[in-house]
């Protein structure tokens, strides 16, 4: 797995406001912003403000932050009008498609998903 520190992490820079993003919601613990390369009509990333490389690492270090990420993702789904038809995806490790090593959840909606087609 590739390691990133807060000083070289793209998501840390977005959270800090150093890199612009299309923020759709935020809490004291998490930030939600639109993905710049969407895989669905609605594609929002929800990231904790705390830098942890994976969702598993976030769960081990702060269950409260992990809970907040998923709570904010659900809030964004409601706000986007897709509370009853969305998918949340977490990639862990480069072999699973993780490219930014800062814990995050992909909220996808606006397309018909099937069990055989994950995105």
PDB file of N, CA and C in Angstrom:
ATOM      1  N   UNK A   1       0.846  -1.176   0.000  1.00  0.00           N
ATOM      2  CA  UNK A   1       0.000   0.000   0.000  1.00  0.00           C
ATOM      3  C   UNK A   1       0.891   1.239   0.000  1.00  0.00           C
ATOM      4  N   UNK A   2       0.469   2.246  -0.724  1.00  0.00           N
ATOM      5  CA  UNK A   2       1.206   3.497  -0.767  1.00  0.00           C
ATOM      6  C   UNK A   2       0.837   4.331   0.443  1.00  0.00           C
ATOM      7  N   UNK A   3       1.839   4.972   1.012  1.00  0.00           N
ATOM      8  CA  UNK A   3       1.607   5.801   2.186  1.00  0.00           C
ATOM      9  C   UNK A   3       1.678   7.269   1.801  1.00  0.00           C
ATOM     10  N   UNK A   4       0.786   8.054   2.323  1.00  0.00           N
ATOM     11  CA  UNK A   4       0.815   9.487   2.119  1.00  0.00           C
ATOM     12  C   UNK A   4       0.730  10.150   3.475  1.00  0.00           C
ATOM     13  N   UNK A   5       1.399  11.267   3.610  1.00  0.00           N
ATOM     14  CA  UNK A   5       1.325  12.038   4.846  1.00  0.00           C
ATOM     15  C   UNK A   5       0.378  13.205   4.611  1.00  0.00           C
ATOM     16  N   UNK A   6      -0.107  13.818   5.671  1.00  0.00           N
ATOM     17  CA  UNK A   6      -0.996  14.963   5.482  1.00  0.00           C
ATOM     18  C   UNK A   6      -0.377  16.065   4.606  1.00  0.00           C
ATOM     19  N   UNK A   7       0.927  16.210   4.631  1.00  0.00           N
ATOM     20  CA  UNK A   7       1.551  17.282   3.838  1.00  0.00           C
ATOM     21  C   UNK A   7       1.543  17.001   2.338  1.00  0.00           C
ATOM     22  N   UNK A   8       1.459  15.723   1.927  1.00  0.00           N
ATOM     23  CA  UNK A   8       1.424  15.421   0.492  1.00  0.00           C
ATOM     24  C   UNK A   8       0.122  14.752   0.058  1.00  0.00           C
ATOM     25  N   UNK A   9      -0.887  14.806   0.905  1.00  0.00           N
ATOM     26  CA  UNK A   9      -2.174  14.150   0.633  1.00  0.00           C
ATOM     27  C   UNK A   9      -3.144  15.119  -0.044  1.00  0.00           C
ATOM     28  N   UNK A  10      -3.631  14.744  -1.217  1.00  0.00           N
ATOM     29  CA  UNK A  10      -4.581  15.556  -1.965  1.00  0.00           C
ATOM     30  C   UNK A  10      -5.830  15.865  -1.138  1.00  0.00           C
ATOM     31  N   UNK A  11      -6.386  14.861  -0.467  1.00  0.00           N
ATOM     32  CA  UNK A  11      -7.610  15.088   0.299  1.00  0.00           C
ATOM     33  C   UNK A  11      -7.368  15.983   1.508  1.00  0.00           C
ATOM     34  N   UNK A  12      -6.212  15.878   2.149  1.00  0.00           N
ATOM     35  CA  UNK A  12      -5.896  16.790   3.261  1.00  0.00           C
ATOM     36  C   UNK A  12      -5.851  18.227   2.754  1.00  0.00           C
ATOM     37  N   UNK A  13      -5.306  18.417   1.557  1.00  0.00           N
ATOM     38  CA  UNK A  13      -5.234  19.761   0.980  1.00  0.00           C
ATOM     39  C   UNK A  13      -6.618  20.275   0.604  1.00  0.00           C
ATOM     40  N   UNK A  14      -7.497  19.397   0.144  1.00  0.00           N
ATOM     41  CA  UNK A  14      -8.878  19.793  -0.148  1.00  0.00           C
ATOM     42  C   UNK A  14      -9.590  20.156   1.148  1.00  0.00           C
ATOM     43  N   UNK A  15      -9.443  19.337   2.175  1.00  0.00           N
ATOM     44  CA  UNK A  15     -10.076  19.606   3.469  1.00  0.00           C
ATOM     45  C   UNK A  15      -9.605  20.949   4.028  1.00  0.00           C
ATOM     46  N   UNK A  16      -8.308  21.246   3.877  1.00  0.00           N
ATOM     47  CA  UNK A  16      -7.739  22.490   4.395  1.00  0.00           C
ATOM     48  C   UNK A  16      -8.091  23.705   3.538  1.00  0.00           C
ATOM     49  N   UNK A  17      -8.688  23.487   2.364  1.00  0.00           N
ATOM     50  CA  UNK A  17      -9.035  24.586   1.480  1.00  0.00           C
ATOM     51  C   UNK A  17      -7.883  25.057   0.606  1.00  0.00           C
ATOM     52  N   UNK A  18      -6.773  24.317   0.603  1.00  0.00           N
ATOM     53  CA  UNK A  18      -5.615  24.674  -0.216  1.00  0.00           C
ATOM     54  C   UNK A  18      -5.858  24.354  -1.692  1.00  0.00           C
ATOM     55  N   UNK A  19      -6.710  23.367  -1.937  1.00  0.00           N
ATOM     56  CA  UNK A  19      -7.102  22.990  -3.297  1.00  0.00           C
ATOM     57  C   UNK A  19      -8.612  23.146  -3.363  1.00  0.00           C
ATOM     58  N   UNK A  20      -9.113  23.862  -4.381  1.00  0.00           N
ATOM     59  CA  UNK A  20     -10.562  24.062  -4.463  1.00  0.00           C
ATOM     60  C   UNK A  20     -11.314  22.764  -4.751  1.00  0.00           C
ATOM     61  N   UNK A  21     -12.540  22.713  -4.262  1.00  0.00           N
ATOM     62  CA  UNK A  21     -13.406  21.571  -4.519  1.00  0.00           C
ATOM     63  C   UNK A  21     -14.842  22.060  -4.547  1.00  0.00           C
ATOM     64  N   UNK A  22     -15.708  21.230  -5.097  1.00  0.00           N
ATOM     65  CA  UNK A  22     -17.138  21.525  -5.109  1.00  0.00           C
ATOM     66  C   UNK A  22     -17.746  20.853  -3.880  1.00  0.00           C
ATOM     67  N   UNK A  23     -17.634  21.528  -2.745  1.00  0.00           N
ATOM     68  CA  UNK A  23     -18.150  20.973  -1.483  1.00  0.00           C
ATOM     69  C   UNK A  23     -19.660  20.979  -1.495  1.00  0.00           C
ATOM     70  N   UNK A  24     -20.214  19.869  -1.026  1.00  0.00           N
ATOM     71  CA  UNK A  24     -21.670  19.781  -0.958  1.00  0.00           C
ATOM     72  C   UNK A  24     -22.172  19.746   0.480  1.00  0.00           C
ATOM     73  N   UNK A  25     -21.288  19.390   1.417  1.00  0.00           N
ATOM     74  CA  UNK A  25     -21.668  19.352   2.832  1.00  0.00           C
ATOM     75  C   UNK A  25     -20.405  19.170   3.663  1.00  0.00           C
ATOM     76  N   UNK A  26     -20.505  19.527   4.929  1.00  0.00           N
ATOM     77  CA  UNK A  26     -19.394  19.270   5.841  1.00  0.00           C
ATOM     78  C   UNK A  26     -19.880  19.297   7.273  1.00  0.00           C
ATOM     79  N   UNK A  27     -19.118  18.640   8.117  1.00  0.00           N
ATOM     80  CA  UNK A  27     -19.356  18.645   9.553  1.00  0.00           C
ATOM     81  C   UNK A  27     -18.033  18.996  10.222  1.00  0.00           C
ATOM     82  N   UNK A  28     -18.048  19.002  11.515  1.00  0.00           N
ATOM     83  CA  UNK A  28     -16.824  19.239  12.286  1.00  0.00           C
ATOM     84  C   UNK A  28     -15.775  18.160  12.003  1.00  0.00           C
ATOM     85  N   UNK A  29     -16.218  16.953  11.628  1.00  0.00           N
ATOM     86  CA  UNK A  29     -15.308  15.820  11.444  1.00  0.00           C
ATOM     87  C   UNK A  29     -15.089  15.386   9.995  1.00  0.00           C
ATOM     88  N   UNK A  30     -15.976  15.773   9.063  1.00  0.00           N
ATOM     89  CA  UNK A  30     -15.935  15.241   7.694  1.00  0.00           C
ATOM     90  C   UNK A  30     -16.278  16.305   6.658  1.00  0.00           C
ATOM     91  N   UNK A  31     -15.853  16.040   5.421  1.00  0.00           N
ATOM     92  CA  UNK A  31     -16.133  16.935   4.294  1.00  0.00           C
ATOM     93  C   UNK A  31     -16.632  16.081   3.120  1.00  0.00           C
ATOM     94  N   UNK A  32     -17.638  16.581   2.409  1.00  0.00           N
ATOM     95  CA  UNK A  32     -18.170  15.896   1.228  1.00  0.00           C
ATOM     96  C   UNK A  32     -18.030  16.832   0.036  1.00  0.00           C
ATOM     97  N   UNK A  33     -17.474  16.295  -1.063  1.00  0.00           N
ATOM     98  CA  UNK A  33     -17.282  17.098  -2.270  1.00  0.00           C
ATOM     99  C   UNK A  33     -17.448  16.220  -3.500  1.00  0.00           C
ATOM    100  N   UNK A  34     -17.804  16.849  -4.620  1.00  0.00           N
ATOM    101  CA  UNK A  34     -18.027  16.107  -5.859  1.00  0.00           C
ATOM    102  C   UNK A  34     -16.709  15.593  -6.425  1.00  0.00           C
ATOM    103  N   UNK A  35     -16.752  14.365  -6.936  1.00  0.00           N
ATOM    104  CA  UNK A  35     -15.580  13.755  -7.567  1.00  0.00           C
ATOM    105  C   UNK A  35     -15.318  14.458  -8.899  1.00  0.00           C
ATOM    106  N   UNK A  36     -14.055  14.736  -9.207  1.00  0.00           N
ATOM    107  CA  UNK A  36     -13.738  15.430 -10.462  1.00  0.00           C
ATOM    108  C   UNK A  36     -13.798  14.495 -11.672  1.00  0.00           C
ATOM    109  N   UNK A  37     -13.816  13.189 -11.439  1.00  0.00           N
ATOM    110  CA  UNK A  37     -13.966  12.202 -12.517  1.00  0.00           C
ATOM    111  C   UNK A  37     -15.104  11.263 -12.156  1.00  0.00           C
ATOM    112  N   UNK A  38     -16.342  11.743 -12.223  1.00  0.00           N
ATOM    113  CA  UNK A  38     -17.468  10.950 -11.719  1.00  0.00           C
ATOM    114  C   UNK A  38     -17.699   9.641 -12.476  1.00  0.00           C
ATOM    115  N   UNK A  39     -18.024   8.608 -11.714  1.00  0.00           N
ATOM    116  CA  UNK A  39     -18.353   7.293 -12.262  1.00  0.00           C
ATOM    117  C   UNK A  39     -19.859   7.103 -12.372  1.00  0.00           C
ATOM    118  N   UNK A  40     -20.616   8.110 -11.933  1.00  0.00           N
ATOM    119  CA  UNK A  40     -22.085   8.088 -11.992  1.00  0.00           C
ATOM    120  C   UNK A  40     -22.548   9.540 -12.027  1.00  0.00           C
ATOM    121  N   UNK A  41     -23.804   9.782 -12.415  1.00  0.00           N
ATOM    122  CA  UNK A  41     -24.294  11.164 -12.454  1.00  0.00           C
ATOM    123  C   UNK A  41     -24.117  11.909 -11.126  1.00  0.00           C
ATOM    124  N   UNK A  42     -24.299  11.219 -10.031  1.00  0.00           N
ATOM    125  CA  UNK A  42     -23.993  11.786  -8.710  1.00  0.00           C
ATOM    126  C   UNK A  42     -22.834  10.971  -8.155  1.00  0.00           C
ATOM    127  N   UNK A  43     -21.721  11.626  -7.915  1.00  0.00           N
ATOM    128  CA  UNK A  43     -20.533  10.953  -7.370  1.00  0.00           C
ATOM    129  C   UNK A  43     -19.870  11.924  -6.404  1.00  0.00           C
ATOM    130  N   UNK A  44     -20.076  11.662  -5.129  1.00  0.00           N
ATOM    131  CA  UNK A  44     -19.554  12.517  -4.066  1.00  0.00           C
ATOM    132  C   UNK A  44     -18.588  11.704  -3.219  1.00  0.00           C
ATOM    133  N   UNK A  45     -17.476  12.321  -2.871  1.00  0.00           N
ATOM    134  CA  UNK A  45     -16.517  11.701  -1.955  1.00  0.00           C
ATOM    135  C   UNK A  45     -16.753  12.274  -0.572  1.00  0.00           C
ATOM    136  N   UNK A  46     -16.748  11.415   0.420  1.00  0.00           N
ATOM    137  CA  UNK A  46     -16.888  11.851   1.808  1.00  0.00           C
ATOM    138  C   UNK A  46     -15.626  11.411   2.529  1.00  0.00           C
ATOM    139  N   UNK A  47     -14.917  12.393   3.087  1.00  0.00           N
ATOM    140  CA  UNK A  47     -13.622  12.130   3.711  1.00  0.00           C
ATOM    141  C   UNK A  47     -13.613  12.664   5.139  1.00  0.00           C
ATOM    142  N   UNK A  48     -12.907  11.976   6.020  1.00  0.00           N
ATOM    143  CA  UNK A  48     -12.741  12.529   7.360  1.00  0.00           C
ATOM    144  C   UNK A  48     -11.706  13.652   7.321  1.00  0.00           C
ATOM    145  N   UNK A  49     -11.841  14.605   8.209  1.00  0.00           N
ATOM    146  CA  UNK A  49     -10.816  15.649   8.321  1.00  0.00           C
ATOM    147  C   UNK A  49      -9.508  15.040   8.838  1.00  0.00           C
ATOM    148  N   UNK A  50      -9.623  14.016   9.661  1.00  0.00           N
ATOM    149  CA  UNK A  50      -8.458  13.302  10.202  1.00  0.00           C
ATOM    150  C   UNK A  50      -7.813  12.492   9.087  1.00  0.00           C
ATOM    151  N   UNK A  51      -6.505  12.558   8.978  1.00  0.00           N
ATOM    152  CA  UNK A  51      -5.806  11.773   7.962  1.00  0.00           C
ATOM    153  C   UNK A  51      -5.536  10.367   8.494  1.00  0.00           C
ATOM    154  N   UNK A  52      -6.170   9.403   7.863  1.00  0.00           N
ATOM    155  CA  UNK A  52      -5.892   7.980   8.060  1.00  0.00           C
ATOM    156  C   UNK A  52      -5.890   7.379   6.668  1.00  0.00           C
ATOM    157  N   UNK A  53      -5.037   6.422   6.414  1.00  0.00           N
ATOM    158  CA  UNK A  53      -4.855   5.926   5.051  1.00  0.00           C
ATOM    159  C   UNK A  53      -6.043   5.130   4.511  1.00  0.00           C
ATOM    160  N   UNK A  54      -6.756   4.436   5.358  1.00  0.00           N
ATOM    161  CA  UNK A  54      -7.879   3.599   4.916  1.00  0.00           C
ATOM    162  C   UNK A  54      -9.041   3.715   5.892  1.00  0.00           C
ATOM    163  N   UNK A  55     -10.195   3.240   5.476  1.00  0.00           N
ATOM    164  CA  UNK A  55     -11.352   3.224   6.359  1.00  0.00           C
ATOM    165  C   UNK A  55     -11.082   2.320   7.568  1.00  0.00           C
ATOM    166  N   UNK A  56     -10.369   1.219   7.349  1.00  0.00           N
ATOM    167  CA  UNK A  56     -10.020   0.344   8.467  1.00  0.00           C
ATOM    168  C   UNK A  56      -9.143   1.046   9.484  1.00  0.00           C
ATOM    169  N   UNK A  57      -8.173   1.803   9.000  1.00  0.00           N
ATOM    170  CA  UNK A  57      -7.301   2.567   9.908  1.00  0.00           C
ATOM    171  C   UNK A  57      -8.105   3.634  10.641  1.00  0.00           C
ATOM    172  N   UNK A  58      -9.060   4.245   9.954  1.00  0.00           N
ATOM    173  CA  UNK A  58      -9.916   5.243  10.599  1.00  0.00           C
ATOM    174  C   UNK A  58     -10.763   4.588  11.680  1.00  0.00           C
ATOM    175  N   UNK A  59     -11.312   3.421  11.397  1.00  0.00           N
ATOM    176  CA  UNK A  59     -12.122   2.702  12.387  1.00  0.00           C
ATOM    177  C   UNK A  59     -11.301   2.380  13.630  1.00  0.00           C
ATOM    178  N   UNK A  60     -10.038   1.993  13.421  1.00  0.00           N
ATOM    179  CA  UNK A  60      -9.173   1.650  14.552  1.00  0.00           C
ATOM    180  C   UNK A  60      -8.799   2.879  15.378  1.00  0.00           C
ATOM    181  N   UNK A  61      -8.666   4.043  14.720  1.00  0.00           N
ATOM    182  CA  UNK A  61      -8.210   5.232  15.445  1.00  0.00           C
ATOM    183  C   UNK A  61      -9.357   6.082  15.987  1.00  0.00           C
ATOM    184  N   UNK A  62     -10.503   6.087  15.295  1.00  0.00           N
ATOM    185  CA  UNK A  62     -11.610   6.926  15.748  1.00  0.00           C
ATOM    186  C   UNK A  62     -12.944   6.439  15.182  1.00  0.00           C
ATOM    187  N   UNK A  63     -13.620   5.653  15.983  1.00  0.00           N
ATOM    188  CA  UNK A  63     -14.956   5.205  15.582  1.00  0.00           C
ATOM    189  C   UNK A  63     -15.901   6.373  15.376  1.00  0.00           C
ATOM    190  N   UNK A  64     -15.713   7.458  16.144  1.00  0.00           N
ATOM    191  CA  UNK A  64     -16.573   8.636  15.989  1.00  0.00           C
ATOM    192  C   UNK A  64     -16.389   9.270  14.616  1.00  0.00           C
ATOM    193  N   UNK A  65     -15.136   9.352  14.139  1.00  0.00           N
ATOM    194  CA  UNK A  65     -14.896   9.918  12.813  1.00  0.00           C
ATOM    195  C   UNK A  65     -15.465   9.009  11.725  1.00  0.00           C
ATOM    196  N   UNK A  66     -15.307   7.705  11.891  1.00  0.00           N
ATOM    197  CA  UNK A  66     -15.860   6.765  10.915  1.00  0.00           C
ATOM    198  C   UNK A  66     -17.381   6.896  10.853  1.00  0.00           C
ATOM    199  N   UNK A  67     -18.013   6.943  12.001  1.00  0.00           N
ATOM    200  CA  UNK A  67     -19.466   7.110  12.052  1.00  0.00           C
ATOM    201  C   UNK A  67     -19.886   8.396  11.359  1.00  0.00           C
ATOM    202  N   UNK A  68     -19.137   9.464  11.588  1.00  0.00           N
ATOM    203  CA  UNK A  68     -19.482  10.745  10.995  1.00  0.00           C
ATOM    204  C   UNK A  68     -19.388  10.706   9.471  1.00  0.00           C
ATOM    205  N   UNK A  69     -18.388  10.020   8.930  1.00  0.00           N
ATOM    206  CA  UNK A  69     -18.252   9.902   7.475  1.00  0.00           C
ATOM    207  C   UNK A  69     -19.512   9.268   6.895  1.00  0.00           C
ATOM    208  N   UNK A  70     -19.956   8.166   7.472  1.00  0.00           N
ATOM    209  CA  UNK A  70     -21.143   7.492   6.945  1.00  0.00           C
ATOM    210  C   UNK A  70     -22.418   8.283   7.217  1.00  0.00           C
ATOM    211  N   UNK A  71     -22.480   8.964   8.334  1.00  0.00           N
ATOM    212  CA  UNK A  71     -23.642   9.811   8.624  1.00  0.00           C
ATOM    213  C   UNK A  71     -23.722  10.950   7.603  1.00  0.00           C
ATOM    214  N   UNK A  72     -22.561  11.576   7.295  1.00  0.00           N
ATOM    215  CA  UNK A  72     -22.560  12.660   6.315  1.00  0.00           C
ATOM    216  C   UNK A  72     -22.896  12.129   4.918  1.00  0.00           C
ATOM    217  N   UNK A  73     -22.412  10.955   4.581  1.00  0.00           N
ATOM    218  CA  UNK A  73     -22.752  10.356   3.284  1.00  0.00           C
ATOM    219  C   UNK A  73     -24.267  10.166   3.167  1.00  0.00           C
ATOM    220  N   UNK A  74     -24.895   9.704   4.218  1.00  0.00           N
ATOM    221  CA  UNK A  74     -26.353   9.529   4.205  1.00  0.00           C
ATOM    222  C   UNK A  74     -27.067  10.869   4.101  1.00  0.00           C
ATOM    223  N   UNK A  75     -26.539  11.878   4.771  1.00  0.00           N
ATOM    224  CA  UNK A  75     -27.110  13.225   4.694  1.00  0.00           C
ATOM    225  C   UNK A  75     -27.004  13.762   3.266  1.00  0.00           C
ATOM    226  N   UNK A  76     -25.874  13.545   2.620  1.00  0.00           N
ATOM    227  CA  UNK A  76     -25.698  14.001   1.237  1.00  0.00           C
ATOM    228  C   UNK A  76     -26.660  13.267   0.312  1.00  0.00           C
ATOM    229  N   UNK A  77     -26.842  11.963   0.517  1.00  0.00           N
ATOM    230  CA  UNK A  77     -27.798  11.204  -0.300  1.00  0.00           C
ATOM    231  C   UNK A  77     -29.197  11.805  -0.168  1.00  0.00           C
ATOM    232  N   UNK A  78     -29.580  12.151   1.033  1.00  0.00           N
ATOM    233  CA  UNK A  78     -30.888  12.787   1.276  1.00  0.00           C
ATOM    234  C   UNK A  78     -30.946  14.138   0.562  1.00  0.00           C
ATOM    235  N   UNK A  79     -29.928  14.930   0.718  1.00  0.00           N
ATOM    236  CA  UNK A  79     -29.855  16.268   0.117  1.00  0.00           C
ATOM    237  C   UNK A  79     -29.912  16.195  -1.415  1.00  0.00           C
ATOM    238  N   UNK A  80     -29.311  15.155  -1.997  1.00  0.00           N
ATOM    239  CA  UNK A  80     -29.282  14.990  -3.455  1.00  0.00           C
ATOM    240  C   UNK A  80     -30.546  14.311  -3.982  1.00  0.00           C
ATOM    241  N   UNK A  81     -31.435  13.917  -3.072  1.00  0.00           N
ATOM    242  CA  UNK A  81     -32.682  13.286  -3.488  1.00  0.00           C
ATOM    243  C   UNK A  81     -32.545  11.819  -3.849  1.00  0.00           C
ATOM    244  N   UNK A  82     -31.502  11.160  -3.341  1.00  0.00           N
ATOM    245  CA  UNK A  82     -31.264   9.755  -3.681  1.00  0.00           C
ATOM    246  C   UNK A  82     -31.132   8.872  -2.434  1.00  0.00           C
ATOM    247  N   UNK A  83     -31.799   9.279  -1.365  1.00  0.00           N
ATOM    248  CA  UNK A  83     -31.690   8.529  -0.116  1.00  0.00           C
ATOM    249  C   UNK A  83     -32.121   7.075  -0.263  1.00  0.00           C
ATOM    250  N   UNK A  84     -33.030   6.818  -1.212  1.00  0.00           N
ATOM    251  CA  UNK A  84     -33.531   5.450  -1.383  1.00  0.00           C
ATOM    252  C   UNK A  84     -32.915   4.743  -2.582  1.00  0.00           C
ATOM    253  N   UNK A  85     -31.891   5.334  -3.210  1.00  0.00           N
ATOM    254  CA  UNK A  85     -31.296   4.710  -4.394  1.00  0.00           C
ATOM    255  C   UNK A  85     -29.861   5.194  -4.598  1.00  0.00           C
ATOM    256  N   UNK A  86     -28.971   4.708  -3.759  1.00  0.00           N
ATOM    257  CA  UNK A  86     -27.567   5.088  -3.890  1.00  0.00           C
ATOM    258  C   UNK A  86     -26.672   3.927  -3.486  1.00  0.00           C
ATOM    259  N   UNK A  87     -25.425   4.067  -3.802  1.00  0.00           N
ATOM    260  CA  UNK A  87     -24.425   3.057  -3.460  1.00  0.00           C
ATOM    261  C   UNK A  87     -23.260   3.754  -2.778  1.00  0.00           C
ATOM    262  N   UNK A  88     -22.717   3.120  -1.741  1.00  0.00           N
ATOM    263  CA  UNK A  88     -21.498   3.617  -1.095  1.00  0.00           C
ATOM    264  C   UNK A  88     -20.415   2.576  -1.323  1.00  0.00           C
ATOM    265  N   UNK A  89     -19.260   3.042  -1.777  1.00  0.00           N
ATOM    266  CA  UNK A  89     -18.146   2.139  -2.057  1.00  0.00           C
ATOM    267  C   UNK A  89     -16.914   2.625  -1.313  1.00  0.00           C
ATOM    268  N   UNK A  90     -16.194   1.672  -0.735  1.00  0.00           N
ATOM    269  CA  UNK A  90     -14.918   1.944  -0.084  1.00  0.00           C
ATOM    270  C   UNK A  90     -13.882   1.039  -0.732  1.00  0.00           C
ATOM    271  N   UNK A  91     -12.828   1.639  -1.266  1.00  0.00           N
ATOM    272  CA  UNK A  91     -11.704   0.879  -1.820  1.00  0.00           C
ATOM    273  C   UNK A  91     -10.580   0.894  -0.796  1.00  0.00           C
ATOM    274  N   UNK A  92     -10.014  -0.271  -0.525  1.00  0.00           N
ATOM    275  CA  UNK A  92      -8.904  -0.356   0.421  1.00  0.00           C
ATOM    276  C   UNK A  92      -7.723  -1.020  -0.262  1.00  0.00           C
ATOM    277  N   UNK A  93      -6.685  -0.246  -0.477  1.00  0.00           N
ATOM    278  CA  UNK A  93      -5.469  -0.750  -1.109  1.00  0.00           C
ATOM    279  C   UNK A  93      -5.477  -0.546  -2.614  1.00  0.00           C
ATOM    280  N   UNK A  94      -4.290  -0.453  -3.174  1.00  0.00           N
ATOM    281  CA  UNK A  94      -4.173  -0.179  -4.606  1.00  0.00           C
ATOM    282  C   UNK A  94      -4.768  -1.289  -5.463  1.00  0.00           C
ATOM    283  N   UNK A  95      -4.709  -2.544  -5.014  1.00  0.00           N
ATOM    284  CA  UNK A  95      -5.281  -3.643  -5.790  1.00  0.00           C
ATOM    285  C   UNK A  95      -6.811  -3.591  -5.822  1.00  0.00           C
ATOM    286  N   UNK A  96      -7.395  -2.829  -4.898  1.00  0.00           N
ATOM    287  CA  UNK A  96      -8.851  -2.654  -4.880  1.00  0.00           C
ATOM    288  C   UNK A  96      -9.259  -1.347  -5.541  1.00  0.00           C
ATOM    289  N   UNK A  97      -8.281  -0.613  -6.065  1.00  0.00           N
ATOM    290  CA  UNK A  97      -8.589   0.626  -6.768  1.00  0.00           C
ATOM    291  C   UNK A  97      -8.390   1.897  -5.976  1.00  0.00           C
ATOM    292  N   UNK A  98      -7.882   1.797  -4.754  1.00  0.00           N
ATOM    293  CA  UNK A  98      -7.637   3.009  -3.975  1.00  0.00           C
ATOM    294  C   UNK A  98      -6.435   3.747  -4.564  1.00  0.00           C
ATOM    295  N   UNK A  99      -6.630   5.013  -4.901  1.00  0.00           N
ATOM    296  CA  UNK A  99      -5.540   5.810  -5.474  1.00  0.00           C
ATOM    297  C   UNK A  99      -5.116   6.949  -4.560  1.00  0.00           C
ATOM    298  N   UNK A 100      -6.007   7.404  -3.701  1.00  0.00           N
ATOM    299  CA  UNK A 100      -5.676   8.425  -2.705  1.00  0.00           C
ATOM    300  C   UNK A 100      -5.720   7.733  -1.353  1.00  0.00           C
ATOM    301  N   UNK A 101      -4.596   7.726  -0.661  1.00  0.00           N
ATOM    302  CA  UNK A 101      -4.517   6.984   0.593  1.00  0.00           C
ATOM    303  C   UNK A 101      -4.860   7.869   1.787  1.00  0.00           C
ATOM    304  N   UNK A 102      -6.113   8.311   1.742  1.00  0.00           N
ATOM    305  CA  UNK A 102      -6.791   9.039   2.816  1.00  0.00           C
ATOM    306  C   UNK A 102      -8.169   8.392   2.836  1.00  0.00           C
ATOM    307  N   UNK A 103      -8.579   7.893   3.966  1.00  0.00           N
ATOM    308  CA  UNK A 103      -9.865   7.191   4.064  1.00  0.00           C
ATOM    309  C   UNK A 103     -10.972   8.003   3.389  1.00  0.00           C
ATOM    310  N   UNK A 104     -11.816   7.323   2.630  1.00  0.00           N
ATOM    311  CA  UNK A 104     -12.938   8.010   1.998  1.00  0.00           C
ATOM    312  C   UNK A 104     -13.988   7.018   1.519  1.00  0.00           C
ATOM    313  N   UNK A 105     -15.189   7.538   1.344  1.00  0.00           N
ATOM    314  CA  UNK A 105     -16.328   6.768   0.851  1.00  0.00           C
ATOM    315  C   UNK A 105     -16.815   7.438  -0.424  1.00  0.00           C
ATOM    316  N   UNK A 106     -17.083   6.626  -1.438  1.00  0.00           N
ATOM    317  CA  UNK A 106     -17.689   7.118  -2.677  1.00  0.00           C
ATOM    318  C   UNK A 106     -19.197   6.945  -2.546  1.00  0.00           C
ATOM    319  N   UNK A 107     -19.941   8.018  -2.722  1.00  0.00           N
ATOM    320  CA  UNK A 107     -21.395   7.965  -2.780  1.00  0.00           C
ATOM    321  C   UNK A 107     -21.769   8.103  -4.246  1.00  0.00           C
ATOM    322  N   UNK A 108     -22.391   7.066  -4.803  1.00  0.00           N
ATOM    323  CA  UNK A 108     -22.758   7.035  -6.219  1.00  0.00           C
ATOM    324  C   UNK A 108     -24.270   6.896  -6.353  1.00  0.00           C
ATOM    325  N   UNK A 109     -24.830   7.632  -7.311  1.00  0.00           N
ATOM    326  CA  UNK A 109     -26.271   7.539  -7.545  1.00  0.00           C
ATOM    327  C   UNK A 109     -26.591   8.139  -8.908  1.00  0.00           C
ATOM    328  N   UNK A 110     -27.847   8.009  -9.287  1.00  0.00           N
ATOM    329  CA  UNK A 110     -28.300   8.586 -10.540  1.00  0.00           C
ATOM    330  C   UNK A 110     -28.173   7.638 -11.714  1.00  0.00           C
ATOM    331  N   UNK A 111     -27.824   6.395 -11.458  1.00  0.00           N
ATOM    332  CA  UNK A 111     -27.731   5.371 -12.497  1.00  0.00           C
ATOM    333  C   UNK A 111     -28.344   4.095 -11.932  1.00  0.00           C
ATOM    334  N   UNK A 112     -28.740   3.197 -12.795  1.00  0.00           N
ATOM    335  CA  UNK A 112     -29.272   1.910 -12.346  1.00  0.00           C
ATOM    336  C   UNK A 112     -28.098   0.977 -12.072  1.00  0.00           C
ATOM    337  N   UNK A 113     -27.964   0.561 -10.840  1.00  0.00           N
ATOM    338  CA  UNK A 113     -26.898  -0.356 -10.454  1.00  0.00           C
ATOM    339  C   UNK A 113     -27.480  -1.752 -10.289  1.00  0.00           C
ATOM    340  N   UNK A 114     -26.675  -2.747 -10.590  1.00  0.00           N
ATOM    341  CA  UNK A 114     -27.068  -4.123 -10.351  1.00  0.00           C
ATOM    342  C   UNK A 114     -26.007  -4.767  -9.490  1.00  0.00           C
ATOM    343  N   UNK A 115     -26.311  -5.897  -8.922  1.00  0.00           N
ATOM    344  CA  UNK A 115     -25.347  -6.589  -8.065  1.00  0.00           C
ATOM    345  C   UNK A 115     -24.091  -6.976  -8.858  1.00  0.00           C
ATOM    346  N   UNK A 116     -24.248  -7.322 -10.117  1.00  0.00           N
ATOM    347  CA  UNK A 116     -23.106  -7.723 -10.931  1.00  0.00           C
ATOM    348  C   UNK A 116     -22.264  -6.567 -11.433  1.00  0.00           C
ATOM    349  N   UNK A 117     -22.829  -5.372 -11.429  1.00  0.00           N
ATOM    350  CA  UNK A 117     -22.098  -4.182 -11.900  1.00  0.00           C
ATOM    351  C   UNK A 117     -21.962  -3.231 -10.716  1.00  0.00           C
ATOM    352  N   UNK A 118     -20.761  -3.174 -10.154  1.00  0.00           N
ATOM    353  CA  UNK A 118     -20.583  -2.402  -8.923  1.00  0.00           C
ATOM    354  C   UNK A 118     -20.517  -0.898  -9.166  1.00  0.00           C
ATOM    355  N   UNK A 119     -20.137  -0.460 -10.342  1.00  0.00           N
ATOM    356  CA  UNK A 119     -20.164   0.985 -10.646  1.00  0.00           C
ATOM    357  C   UNK A 119     -20.686   1.199 -12.048  1.00  0.00           C
TER     358      UNK A 119
END
